[in-house]
Amino acid sequence: MNIERIGNTLATATTLLLVGLSVSFAFKTGLFNIGGSGQMLIGGLLGSMFALSATSMPRPLFFILLILIGVAGGALWGVVPGLLKALFNVHEVVSTIMMNWIAYWLVFYIVPGYLKAEYLETESKSIAISRSLRTPWLTNLFSSEYVNYGIFLGILAMVLLKIILDKTTLGFELKAVGYNRNCAEYAGIKVNRNIVISMMIAGALSGLAGLTYYTGYALNMQIGVMPSQGFDGIAVSLLGAGTPIGVALSSIFFGVLHVGKGFMSANTIVPPEIADTIIAVIIYFTATSLLFKRFWGTISKKIRTRQTAGLSAEEV
């Protein structure tokens, strides 16, 4: 067993876990958050700007503010599609994709203009280890420099999400809106408010994912790169059936695929693209199973309706 590869797998899975939770949370309210990549970029950008500027702040206070800034950036990027959906019924798939590209070009403008490295304009300055989410004891434990405090943030987010969805009034309202928006509104639930809250929390989770990736894993930002984790998180959520525990297990599985494909191609003749093919097959099979489940539910409902109508006719 290679402890370094385990560490790299956990580091890769951390980002996927947070984005997967983001997608799952929005889906509970019947919304599709396709904007994980943009929310990651904004959370990572604001976090990187803070980490590069707050060089003398006490470390405990620095960590708290760093996390809050990353979360706030992602939440802001999630609120906009939520408001557009609630106020103007703009489909969130369209608005989140547009927000992805706004974030992409915002990074393209800010990094070369204000954060560029000394010799490269295509990437930002590197964040010092003392100003990052990395810590020596985790690095030594896993013999991997990529493992960071994001692991614990991901676990904390998973637990909080579970509590919110299953133990709070807010969670009940969010799920009610997701199950049937009209019934929820008839019951007195403020649908538009819950839509905005759902997208805000989903954006905050993706913003936290971007923060852990850019200030804990990569330690810098590159222009012209849309983080693929924002889209991989959709597959993670699908495979995990939208539950926090399922998403956690799914993110580890995807982390194994991403980390293992490099070693596999180096030691065998199997190309690394096979891992992406496996992920694509998983998405198709998962989506197909959901389609069949919905189709069978519709057929079963029609059969029950006809049986009920037949019994009523016999009674008459």
C-alpha atoms as a PDB file:
ATOM      1  CA  MET A   1       0.000   0.000   0.000  1.00  0.00           C
ATOM      2  CA  ASN A   2       1.436   3.349  -1.094  1.00  0.00           C
ATOM      3  CA  ILE A   3       0.624   6.007   1.506  1.00  0.00           C
ATOM      4  CA  GLU A   4       1.499   8.830  -0.892  1.00  0.00           C
ATOM      5  CA  ARG A   5      -1.072   7.661  -3.432  1.00  0.00           C
ATOM      6  CA  ILE A   6      -3.664   7.400  -0.682  1.00  0.00           C
ATOM      7  CA  GLY A   7      -2.903  11.001   0.252  1.00  0.00           C
ATOM      8  CA  ASN A   8      -3.155  12.160  -3.357  1.00  0.00           C
ATOM      9  CA  THR A   9      -6.457  10.306  -3.698  1.00  0.00           C
ATOM     10  CA  LEU A  10      -7.881  12.000  -0.606  1.00  0.00           C
ATOM     11  CA  ALA A  11      -6.666  15.406  -1.804  1.00  0.00           C
ATOM     12  CA  THR A  12      -8.334  14.869  -5.190  1.00  0.00           C
ATOM     13  CA  ALA A  13     -11.500  13.510  -3.581  1.00  0.00           C
ATOM     14  CA  THR A  14     -11.830  16.544  -1.296  1.00  0.00           C
ATOM     15  CA  THR A  15     -12.640  18.944  -4.125  1.00  0.00           C
ATOM     16  CA  LEU A  16     -14.960  16.423  -5.777  1.00  0.00           C
ATOM     17  CA  LEU A  17     -16.749  15.849  -2.466  1.00  0.00           C
ATOM     18  CA  LEU A  18     -17.529  19.533  -1.974  1.00  0.00           C
ATOM     19  CA  VAL A  19     -18.701  20.074  -5.560  1.00  0.00           C
ATOM     20  CA  GLY A  20     -20.724  16.848  -5.416  1.00  0.00           C
ATOM     21  CA  LEU A  21     -22.421  18.073  -2.231  1.00  0.00           C
ATOM     22  CA  SER A  22     -23.125  21.376  -3.975  1.00  0.00           C
ATOM     23  CA  VAL A  23     -24.857  19.661  -6.897  1.00  0.00           C
ATOM     24  CA  SER A  24     -26.784  17.328  -4.576  1.00  0.00           C
ATOM     25  CA  PHE A  25     -27.993  20.142  -2.328  1.00  0.00           C
ATOM     26  CA  ALA A  26     -29.360  22.158  -5.233  1.00  0.00           C
ATOM     27  CA  PHE A  27     -30.980  19.039  -6.672  1.00  0.00           C
ATOM     28  CA  LYS A  28     -32.890  18.531  -3.410  1.00  0.00           C
ATOM     29  CA  THR A  29     -34.764  21.725  -4.291  1.00  0.00           C
ATOM     30  CA  GLY A  30     -35.315  20.610  -7.865  1.00  0.00           C
ATOM     31  CA  LEU A  31     -32.486  22.787  -9.200  1.00  0.00           C
ATOM     32  CA  PHE A  32     -29.502  21.897 -11.389  1.00  0.00           C
ATOM     33  CA  ASN A  33     -26.307  23.644 -10.334  1.00  0.00           C
ATOM     34  CA  ILE A  34     -24.096  23.441 -13.428  1.00  0.00           C
ATOM     35  CA  GLY A  35     -22.108  26.443 -12.187  1.00  0.00           C
ATOM     36  CA  GLY A  36     -19.687  24.599  -9.926  1.00  0.00           C
ATOM     37  CA  SER A  37     -16.683  25.555 -12.052  1.00  0.00           C
ATOM     38  CA  GLY A  38     -17.462  29.267 -11.955  1.00  0.00           C
ATOM     39  CA  GLN A  39     -18.197  29.185  -8.235  1.00  0.00           C
ATOM     40  CA  MET A  40     -14.894  27.374  -7.704  1.00  0.00           C
ATOM     41  CA  LEU A  41     -13.040  30.047  -9.668  1.00  0.00           C
ATOM     42  CA  ILE A  42     -14.552  32.912  -7.681  1.00  0.00           C
ATOM     43  CA  GLY A  43     -14.004  31.217  -4.315  1.00  0.00           C
ATOM     44  CA  GLY A  44     -10.436  30.378  -5.300  1.00  0.00           C
ATOM     45  CA  LEU A  45      -9.768  33.839  -6.740  1.00  0.00           C
ATOM     46  CA  LEU A  46     -10.946  35.732  -3.657  1.00  0.00           C
ATOM     47  CA  GLY A  47      -9.168  33.274  -1.375  1.00  0.00           C
ATOM     48  CA  SER A  48      -5.935  33.589  -3.351  1.00  0.00           C
ATOM     49  CA  MET A  49      -6.108  37.389  -3.309  1.00  0.00           C
ATOM     50  CA  PHE A  50      -6.564  37.341   0.454  1.00  0.00           C
ATOM     51  CA  ALA A  51      -3.799  34.766   1.013  1.00  0.00           C
ATOM     52  CA  LEU A  52      -1.335  36.786  -1.073  1.00  0.00           C
ATOM     53  CA  SER A  53      -2.124  40.046   0.711  1.00  0.00           C
ATOM     54  CA  ALA A  54      -2.615  38.993   4.362  1.00  0.00           C
ATOM     55  CA  THR A  55       0.996  38.024   4.998  1.00  0.00           C
ATOM     56  CA  SER A  56       1.288  39.148   8.629  1.00  0.00           C
ATOM     57  CA  MET A  57      -2.094  38.156  10.065  1.00  0.00           C
ATOM     58  CA  PRO A  58      -2.139  35.629  12.945  1.00  0.00           C
ATOM     59  CA  ARG A  59      -2.628  32.139  11.523  1.00  0.00           C
ATOM     60  CA  PRO A  60      -5.876  31.166  13.374  1.00  0.00           C
ATOM     61  CA  LEU A  61      -7.609  34.410  12.378  1.00  0.00           C
ATOM     62  CA  PHE A  62      -6.213  34.095   8.864  1.00  0.00           C
ATOM     63  CA  PHE A  63      -7.712  30.612   8.432  1.00  0.00           C
ATOM     64  CA  ILE A  64     -11.148  31.703   9.617  1.00  0.00           C
ATOM     65  CA  LEU A  65     -11.238  34.726   7.309  1.00  0.00           C
ATOM     66  CA  LEU A  66      -9.826  32.721   4.394  1.00  0.00           C
ATOM     67  CA  ILE A  67     -12.603  30.140   4.663  1.00  0.00           C
ATOM     68  CA  LEU A  68     -15.301  32.794   5.072  1.00  0.00           C
ATOM     69  CA  ILE A  69     -14.060  34.717   2.028  1.00  0.00           C
ATOM     70  CA  GLY A  70     -14.001  31.616  -0.181  1.00  0.00           C
ATOM     71  CA  VAL A  71     -17.461  30.559   0.965  1.00  0.00           C
ATOM     72  CA  ALA A  72     -18.848  34.079   0.483  1.00  0.00           C
ATOM     73  CA  GLY A  73     -17.441  34.283  -3.056  1.00  0.00           C
ATOM     74  CA  GLY A  74     -19.062  31.019  -4.095  1.00  0.00           C
ATOM     75  CA  ALA A  75     -22.328  31.960  -2.370  1.00  0.00           C
ATOM     76  CA  LEU A  76     -22.424  35.273  -4.249  1.00  0.00           C
ATOM     77  CA  TRP A  77     -21.918  33.448  -7.555  1.00  0.00           C
ATOM     78  CA  GLY A  78     -24.746  31.071  -6.645  1.00  0.00           C
ATOM     79  CA  VAL A  79     -27.190  33.750  -5.509  1.00  0.00           C
ATOM     80  CA  VAL A  80     -27.326  35.391  -8.947  1.00  0.00           C
ATOM     81  CA  PRO A  81     -28.797  32.340 -10.771  1.00  0.00           C
ATOM     82  CA  GLY A  82     -31.082  31.797  -7.769  1.00  0.00           C
ATOM     83  CA  LEU A  83     -32.477  35.321  -8.033  1.00  0.00           C
ATOM     84  CA  LEU A  84     -32.868  35.016 -11.799  1.00  0.00           C
ATOM     85  CA  LYS A  85     -34.802  31.778 -11.292  1.00  0.00           C
ATOM     86  CA  ALA A  86     -36.967  33.136  -8.477  1.00  0.00           C
ATOM     87  CA  LEU A  87     -37.769  36.535  -9.988  1.00  0.00           C
ATOM     88  CA  PHE A  88     -37.749  35.957 -13.752  1.00  0.00           C
ATOM     89  CA  ASN A  89     -37.987  32.152 -14.066  1.00  0.00           C
ATOM     90  CA  VAL A  90     -34.671  32.028 -15.945  1.00  0.00           C
ATOM     91  CA  HIS A  91     -33.616  28.390 -16.112  1.00  0.00           C
ATOM     92  CA  GLU A  92     -30.713  27.790 -13.751  1.00  0.00           C
ATOM     93  CA  VAL A  93     -28.843  25.596 -16.248  1.00  0.00           C
ATOM     94  CA  VAL A  94     -28.551  28.524 -18.654  1.00  0.00           C
ATOM     95  CA  SER A  95     -27.702  31.121 -16.004  1.00  0.00           C
ATOM     96  CA  THR A  96     -25.126  28.959 -14.187  1.00  0.00           C
ATOM     97  CA  ILE A  97     -23.329  28.132 -17.437  1.00  0.00           C
ATOM     98  CA  MET A  98     -23.214  31.847 -18.261  1.00  0.00           C
ATOM     99  CA  MET A  99     -21.866  32.589 -14.777  1.00  0.00           C
ATOM    100  CA  ASN A 100     -19.133  29.997 -15.381  1.00  0.00           C
ATOM    101  CA  TRP A 101     -17.825  31.976 -18.326  1.00  0.00           C
ATOM    102  CA  ILE A 102     -18.130  35.313 -16.545  1.00  0.00           C
ATOM    103  CA  ALA A 103     -15.942  33.879 -13.766  1.00  0.00           C
ATOM    104  CA  TYR A 104     -13.546  32.428 -16.348  1.00  0.00           C
ATOM    105  CA  TRP A 105     -12.966  35.799 -18.023  1.00  0.00           C
ATOM    106  CA  LEU A 106     -12.854  37.610 -14.685  1.00  0.00           C
ATOM    107  CA  VAL A 107      -9.934  35.395 -13.654  1.00  0.00           C
ATOM    108  CA  PHE A 108      -8.419  35.951 -17.108  1.00  0.00           C
ATOM    109  CA  TYR A 109      -8.491  39.702 -16.429  1.00  0.00           C
ATOM    110  CA  ILE A 110      -7.501  39.862 -12.742  1.00  0.00           C
ATOM    111  CA  VAL A 111      -4.648  37.327 -12.589  1.00  0.00           C
ATOM    112  CA  PRO A 112      -2.379  38.893 -15.279  1.00  0.00           C
ATOM    113  CA  GLY A 113      -3.276  42.399 -14.144  1.00  0.00           C
ATOM    114  CA  TYR A 114      -2.926  42.137 -10.384  1.00  0.00           C
ATOM    115  CA  LEU A 115      -1.701  38.702  -9.279  1.00  0.00           C
ATOM    116  CA  LYS A 116       0.737  37.613 -11.981  1.00  0.00           C
ATOM    117  CA  ALA A 117       3.910  35.739 -11.110  1.00  0.00           C
ATOM    118  CA  GLU A 118       7.304  37.363 -11.545  1.00  0.00           C
ATOM    119  CA  TYR A 119       8.162  35.648 -14.820  1.00  0.00           C
ATOM    120  CA  LEU A 120       4.793  34.324 -16.021  1.00  0.00           C
ATOM    121  CA  GLU A 121       1.674  36.268 -16.921  1.00  0.00           C
ATOM    122  CA  THR A 122      -0.445  33.150 -17.371  1.00  0.00           C
ATOM    123  CA  GLU A 123      -0.542  32.261 -13.686  1.00  0.00           C
ATOM    124  CA  SER A 124      -0.673  33.988 -10.330  1.00  0.00           C
ATOM    125  CA  LYS A 125       2.020  34.234  -7.702  1.00  0.00           C
ATOM    126  CA  SER A 126       2.462  31.098  -5.625  1.00  0.00           C
ATOM    127  CA  ILE A 127       0.862  31.159  -2.192  1.00  0.00           C
ATOM    128  CA  ALA A 128       3.301  30.611   0.674  1.00  0.00           C
ATOM    129  CA  ILE A 129       2.839  27.375   2.612  1.00  0.00           C
ATOM    130  CA  SER A 130       2.209  29.365   5.798  1.00  0.00           C
ATOM    131  CA  ARG A 131      -0.624  31.216   4.036  1.00  0.00           C
ATOM    132  CA  SER A 132      -2.176  28.081   2.534  1.00  0.00           C
ATOM    133  CA  LEU A 133      -4.401  25.272   3.794  1.00  0.00           C
ATOM    134  CA  ARG A 134      -1.452  22.893   3.819  1.00  0.00           C
ATOM    135  CA  THR A 135       0.043  21.778   7.099  1.00  0.00           C
ATOM    136  CA  PRO A 136       3.303  19.906   7.819  1.00  0.00           C
ATOM    137  CA  TRP A 137       1.738  17.154   9.931  1.00  0.00           C
ATOM    138  CA  LEU A 138      -0.649  16.095   7.145  1.00  0.00           C
ATOM    139  CA  THR A 139       2.166  16.289   4.600  1.00  0.00           C
ATOM    140  CA  ASN A 140       4.340  14.043   6.766  1.00  0.00           C
ATOM    141  CA  LEU A 141       1.481  11.679   7.606  1.00  0.00           C
ATOM    142  CA  PHE A 142       0.631  10.945   3.961  1.00  0.00           C
ATOM    143  CA  SER A 143       4.015  11.748   2.399  1.00  0.00           C
ATOM    144  CA  SER A 144       2.064  14.008   0.044  1.00  0.00           C
ATOM    145  CA  GLU A 145       2.271  17.775  -0.220  1.00  0.00           C
ATOM    146  CA  TYR A 146      -1.238  18.012  -1.681  1.00  0.00           C
ATOM    147  CA  VAL A 147      -3.135  16.838   1.408  1.00  0.00           C
ATOM    148  CA  ASN A 148      -4.524  19.819   3.313  1.00  0.00           C
ATOM    149  CA  TYR A 149      -7.131  20.959   5.806  1.00  0.00           C
ATOM    150  CA  GLY A 150      -9.727  20.765   3.034  1.00  0.00           C
ATOM    151  CA  ILE A 151     -10.295  17.128   4.035  1.00  0.00           C
ATOM    152  CA  PHE A 152     -11.721  18.212   7.382  1.00  0.00           C
ATOM    153  CA  LEU A 153     -13.710  21.027   5.774  1.00  0.00           C
ATOM    154  CA  GLY A 154     -15.263  18.479   3.414  1.00  0.00           C
ATOM    155  CA  ILE A 155     -16.214  16.151   6.279  1.00  0.00           C
ATOM    156  CA  LEU A 156     -17.648  19.084   8.245  1.00  0.00           C
ATOM    157  CA  ALA A 157     -19.677  20.214   5.220  1.00  0.00           C
ATOM    158  CA  MET A 158     -21.010  16.681   4.744  1.00  0.00           C
ATOM    159  CA  VAL A 159     -22.162  16.457   8.380  1.00  0.00           C
ATOM    160  CA  LEU A 160     -23.726  19.935   8.356  1.00  0.00           C
ATOM    161  CA  LEU A 161     -25.558  19.183   5.126  1.00  0.00           C
ATOM    162  CA  LYS A 162     -26.941  15.960   6.580  1.00  0.00           C
ATOM    163  CA  ILE A 163     -28.186  17.828   9.657  1.00  0.00           C
ATOM    164  CA  ILE A 164     -29.713  20.667   7.626  1.00  0.00           C
ATOM    165  CA  LEU A 165     -31.584  18.349   5.266  1.00  0.00           C
ATOM    166  CA  ASP A 166     -32.839  15.852   7.855  1.00  0.00           C
ATOM    167  CA  LYS A 167     -33.131  17.761  11.134  1.00  0.00           C
ATOM    168  CA  THR A 168     -34.160  21.351  10.354  1.00  0.00           C
ATOM    169  CA  THR A 169     -37.225  23.208   9.135  1.00  0.00           C
ATOM    170  CA  LEU A 170     -35.151  24.732   6.345  1.00  0.00           C
ATOM    171  CA  GLY A 171     -34.230  21.269   5.093  1.00  0.00           C
ATOM    172  CA  PHE A 172     -37.867  20.181   5.141  1.00  0.00           C
ATOM    173  CA  GLU A 173     -38.911  23.260   3.169  1.00  0.00           C
ATOM    174  CA  LEU A 174     -36.113  22.807   0.625  1.00  0.00           C
ATOM    175  CA  LYS A 175     -37.060  19.174   0.027  1.00  0.00           C
ATOM    176  CA  ALA A 176     -40.759  20.069  -0.153  1.00  0.00           C
ATOM    177  CA  VAL A 177     -40.026  22.611  -2.870  1.00  0.00           C
ATOM    178  CA  GLY A 178     -37.995  19.978  -4.706  1.00  0.00           C
ATOM    179  CA  TYR A 179     -40.710  17.322  -4.518  1.00  0.00           C
ATOM    180  CA  ASN A 180     -43.584  19.545  -5.655  1.00  0.00           C
ATOM    181  CA  ARG A 181     -43.222  23.289  -5.991  1.00  0.00           C
ATOM    182  CA  ASN A 182     -46.957  23.973  -6.357  1.00  0.00           C
ATOM    183  CA  CYS A 183     -47.903  21.932  -3.294  1.00  0.00           C
ATOM    184  CA  ALA A 184     -45.162  23.605  -1.275  1.00  0.00           C
ATOM    185  CA  GLU A 185     -46.459  27.035  -2.228  1.00  0.00           C
ATOM    186  CA  TYR A 186     -50.027  25.987  -1.384  1.00  0.00           C
ATOM    187  CA  ALA A 187     -48.797  24.850   2.041  1.00  0.00           C
ATOM    188  CA  GLY A 188     -47.425  28.326   2.738  1.00  0.00           C
ATOM    189  CA  ILE A 189     -43.752  27.660   2.017  1.00  0.00           C
ATOM    190  CA  LYS A 190     -41.958  30.612   0.425  1.00  0.00           C
ATOM    191  CA  VAL A 191     -40.778  28.927  -2.754  1.00  0.00           C
ATOM    192  CA  ASN A 192     -38.748  31.805  -4.208  1.00  0.00           C
ATOM    193  CA  ARG A 193     -36.884  32.360  -0.950  1.00  0.00           C
ATOM    194  CA  ASN A 194     -35.966  28.686  -0.736  1.00  0.00           C
ATOM    195  CA  ILE A 195     -34.770  28.666  -4.349  1.00  0.00           C
ATOM    196  CA  VAL A 196     -32.385  31.539  -3.606  1.00  0.00           C
ATOM    197  CA  ILE A 197     -31.201  29.941  -0.350  1.00  0.00           C
ATOM    198  CA  SER A 198     -30.624  26.606  -2.075  1.00  0.00           C
ATOM    199  CA  MET A 199     -28.489  28.137  -4.821  1.00  0.00           C
ATOM    200  CA  MET A 200     -26.632  30.289  -2.294  1.00  0.00           C
ATOM    201  CA  ILE A 201     -25.667  27.272  -0.152  1.00  0.00           C
ATOM    202  CA  ALA A 202     -24.800  25.248  -3.260  1.00  0.00           C
ATOM    203  CA  GLY A 203     -22.588  28.091  -4.463  1.00  0.00           C
ATOM    204  CA  ALA A 204     -20.961  28.363  -1.035  1.00  0.00           C
ATOM    205  CA  LEU A 205     -20.017  24.670  -1.148  1.00  0.00           C
ATOM    206  CA  SER A 206     -18.472  25.023  -4.607  1.00  0.00           C
ATOM    207  CA  GLY A 207     -16.708  28.199  -3.483  1.00  0.00           C
ATOM    208  CA  LEU A 208     -15.244  26.229  -0.580  1.00  0.00           C
ATOM    209  CA  ALA A 209     -14.169  23.562  -3.085  1.00  0.00           C
ATOM    210  CA  GLY A 210     -12.365  26.230  -5.114  1.00  0.00           C
ATOM    211  CA  LEU A 211     -10.732  27.597  -1.988  1.00  0.00           C
ATOM    212  CA  THR A 212      -9.396  24.185  -0.931  1.00  0.00           C
ATOM    213  CA  TYR A 213      -8.171  23.481  -4.458  1.00  0.00           C
ATOM    214  CA  TYR A 214      -6.406  26.763  -5.215  1.00  0.00           C
ATOM    215  CA  THR A 215      -5.091  27.570  -1.721  1.00  0.00           C
ATOM    216  CA  GLY A 216      -4.476  23.998  -0.579  1.00  0.00           C
ATOM    217  CA  TYR A 217      -3.768  21.849  -3.630  1.00  0.00           C
ATOM    218  CA  ALA A 218      -2.463  24.010  -6.494  1.00  0.00           C
ATOM    219  CA  LEU A 219      -1.281  27.109  -4.528  1.00  0.00           C
ATOM    220  CA  ASN A 220      -1.757  29.314  -7.590  1.00  0.00           C
ATOM    221  CA  MET A 221      -4.280  30.107 -10.323  1.00  0.00           C
ATOM    222  CA  GLN A 222      -3.803  29.741 -14.060  1.00  0.00           C
ATOM    223  CA  ILE A 223      -5.703  31.672 -16.684  1.00  0.00           C
ATOM    224  CA  GLY A 224      -7.499  29.937 -19.525  1.00  0.00           C
ATOM    225  CA  VAL A 225      -8.390  26.893 -17.408  1.00  0.00           C
ATOM    226  CA  MET A 226     -11.947  25.975 -16.439  1.00  0.00           C
ATOM    227  CA  PRO A 227     -11.733  23.563 -13.471  1.00  0.00           C
ATOM    228  CA  SER A 228     -13.098  20.198 -14.579  1.00  0.00           C
ATOM    229  CA  GLN A 229     -14.063  19.321 -11.004  1.00  0.00           C
ATOM    230  CA  GLY A 230     -17.117  21.535 -11.415  1.00  0.00           C
ATOM    231  CA  PHE A 231     -18.469  19.099 -14.008  1.00  0.00           C
ATOM    232  CA  ASP A 232     -17.051  15.928 -12.444  1.00  0.00           C
ATOM    233  CA  GLY A 233     -19.012  16.850  -9.332  1.00  0.00           C
ATOM    234  CA  ILE A 234     -22.223  16.253 -11.276  1.00  0.00           C
ATOM    235  CA  ALA A 235     -21.166  12.661 -11.930  1.00  0.00           C
ATOM    236  CA  VAL A 236     -20.111  12.287  -8.287  1.00  0.00           C
ATOM    237  CA  SER A 237     -23.550  13.458  -7.169  1.00  0.00           C
ATOM    238  CA  LEU A 238     -25.354  11.131  -9.576  1.00  0.00           C
ATOM    239  CA  LEU A 239     -23.341   8.091  -8.539  1.00  0.00           C
ATOM    240  CA  GLY A 240     -23.795   8.967  -4.858  1.00  0.00           C
ATOM    241  CA  ALA A 241     -27.597   9.146  -5.327  1.00  0.00           C
ATOM    242  CA  GLY A 242     -27.578  12.692  -3.961  1.00  0.00           C
ATOM    243  CA  THR A 243     -26.982  11.628  -0.333  1.00  0.00           C
ATOM    244  CA  PRO A 244     -24.041  13.055   1.671  1.00  0.00           C
ATOM    245  CA  ILE A 245     -22.613   9.616   2.520  1.00  0.00           C
ATOM    246  CA  GLY A 246     -23.090   8.396  -1.045  1.00  0.00           C
ATOM    247  CA  VAL A 247     -21.387  11.492  -2.426  1.00  0.00           C
ATOM    248  CA  ALA A 248     -18.441  10.975  -0.047  1.00  0.00           C
ATOM    249  CA  LEU A 249     -17.936   7.377  -1.197  1.00  0.00           C
ATOM    250  CA  SER A 250     -18.410   8.390  -4.821  1.00  0.00           C
ATOM    251  CA  SER A 251     -15.812  11.174  -4.525  1.00  0.00           C
ATOM    252  CA  ILE A 252     -13.239   8.699  -3.183  1.00  0.00           C
ATOM    253  CA  PHE A 253     -13.966   6.358  -6.091  1.00  0.00           C
ATOM    254  CA  PHE A 254     -13.501   9.179  -8.598  1.00  0.00           C
ATOM    255  CA  GLY A 255     -10.352  10.254  -6.770  1.00  0.00           C
ATOM    256  CA  VAL A 256      -8.954   6.751  -7.225  1.00  0.00           C
ATOM    257  CA  LEU A 257      -9.743   6.910 -10.949  1.00  0.00           C
ATOM    258  CA  HIS A 258      -8.106  10.316 -11.427  1.00  0.00           C
ATOM    259  CA  VAL A 259      -4.969   9.511  -9.438  1.00  0.00           C
ATOM    260  CA  GLY A 260      -4.655   5.952 -10.699  1.00  0.00           C
ATOM    261  CA  LYS A 261      -4.850   6.740 -14.399  1.00  0.00           C
ATOM    262  CA  GLY A 262      -1.416   8.377 -14.368  1.00  0.00           C
ATOM    263  CA  PHE A 263       0.274   5.404 -12.718  1.00  0.00           C
ATOM    264  CA  MET A 264      -1.666   2.978 -14.894  1.00  0.00           C
ATOM    265  CA  SER A 265      -0.537   4.595 -18.139  1.00  0.00           C
ATOM    266  CA  ALA A 266       3.068   4.734 -16.892  1.00  0.00           C
ATOM    267  CA  ASN A 267       3.215   1.029 -16.056  1.00  0.00           C
ATOM    268  CA  THR A 268       0.951  -0.474 -18.728  1.00  0.00           C
ATOM    269  CA  ILE A 269      -0.063   0.156 -22.324  1.00  0.00           C
ATOM    270  CA  VAL A 270      -3.531   1.244 -21.188  1.00  0.00           C
ATOM    271  CA  PRO A 271      -4.068   4.940 -22.070  1.00  0.00           C
ATOM    272  CA  PRO A 272      -5.083   7.326 -19.251  1.00  0.00           C
ATOM    273  CA  GLU A 273      -8.224   8.291 -21.180  1.00  0.00           C
ATOM    274  CA  ILE A 274      -9.743   4.956 -20.129  1.00  0.00           C
ATOM    275  CA  ALA A 275     -10.519   6.538 -16.746  1.00  0.00           C
ATOM    276  CA  ASP A 276     -12.532   9.294 -18.442  1.00  0.00           C
ATOM    277  CA  THR A 277     -14.329   6.620 -20.458  1.00  0.00           C
ATOM    278  CA  ILE A 278     -15.240   4.775 -17.260  1.00  0.00           C
ATOM    279  CA  ILE A 279     -16.584   8.006 -15.769  1.00  0.00           C
ATOM    280  CA  ALA A 280     -18.669   8.641 -18.904  1.00  0.00           C
ATOM    281  CA  VAL A 281     -20.112   5.114 -18.779  1.00  0.00           C
ATOM    282  CA  ILE A 282     -20.996   5.600 -15.108  1.00  0.00           C
ATOM    283  CA  ILE A 283     -22.832   8.829 -15.911  1.00  0.00           C
ATOM    284  CA  TYR A 284     -24.792   7.211 -18.748  1.00  0.00           C
ATOM    285  CA  PHE A 285     -25.807   4.171 -16.704  1.00  0.00           C
ATOM    286  CA  THR A 286     -26.758   6.282 -13.693  1.00  0.00           C
ATOM    287  CA  ALA A 287     -28.800   8.689 -15.804  1.00  0.00           C
ATOM    288  CA  THR A 288     -30.451   5.778 -17.620  1.00  0.00           C
ATOM    289  CA  SER A 289     -31.421   4.124 -14.339  1.00  0.00           C
ATOM    290  CA  LEU A 290     -33.029   7.375 -13.172  1.00  0.00           C
ATOM    291  CA  LEU A 291     -34.861   7.640 -16.494  1.00  0.00           C
ATOM    292  CA  PHE A 292     -36.203   4.093 -16.203  1.00  0.00           C
ATOM    293  CA  LYS A 293     -37.204   4.730 -12.602  1.00  0.00           C
ATOM    294  CA  ARG A 294     -39.181   7.816 -13.601  1.00  0.00           C
ATOM    295  CA  PHE A 295     -40.683   6.037 -16.617  1.00  0.00           C
ATOM    296  CA  TRP A 296     -41.736   3.054 -14.513  1.00  0.00           C
ATOM    297  CA  GLY A 297     -43.238   5.396 -11.912  1.00  0.00           C
ATOM    298  CA  THR A 298     -45.356   7.060 -14.606  1.00  0.00           C
ATOM    299  CA  ILE A 299     -46.524   3.704 -15.999  1.00  0.00           C
ATOM    300  CA  SER A 300     -47.357   2.399 -12.523  1.00  0.00           C
ATOM    301  CA  LYS A 301     -49.344   5.536 -11.760  1.00  0.00           C
ATOM    302  CA  LYS A 302     -51.397   5.124 -14.953  1.00  0.00           C
ATOM    303  CA  ILE A 303     -52.076   1.451 -14.149  1.00  0.00           C
ATOM    304  CA  ARG A 304     -53.247   2.323 -10.632  1.00  0.00           C
ATOM    305  CA  THR A 305     -55.463   5.099 -12.008  1.00  0.00           C
ATOM    306  CA  ARG A 306     -57.111   2.721 -14.483  1.00  0.00           C
ATOM    307  CA  GLN A 307     -57.615   0.076 -11.809  1.00  0.00           C
ATOM    308  CA  THR A 308     -59.203   2.639  -9.507  1.00  0.00           C
ATOM    309  CA  ALA A 309     -61.446   3.867 -12.341  1.00  0.00           C
ATOM    310  CA  GLY A 310     -62.468   0.271 -13.132  1.00  0.00           C
ATOM    311  CA  LEU A 311     -63.387  -0.449  -9.516  1.00  0.00           C
ATOM    312  CA  SER A 312     -65.420   2.749  -9.346  1.00  0.00           C
ATOM    313  CA  ALA A 313     -67.309   1.802 -12.523  1.00  0.00           C
ATOM    314  CA  GLU A 314     -68.145  -1.659 -11.111  1.00  0.00           C
ATOM    315  CA  GLU A 315     -69.472  -0.139  -7.905  1.00  0.00           C
ATOM    316  CA  VAL A 316     -71.777   2.107  -9.919  1.00  0.00           C
END
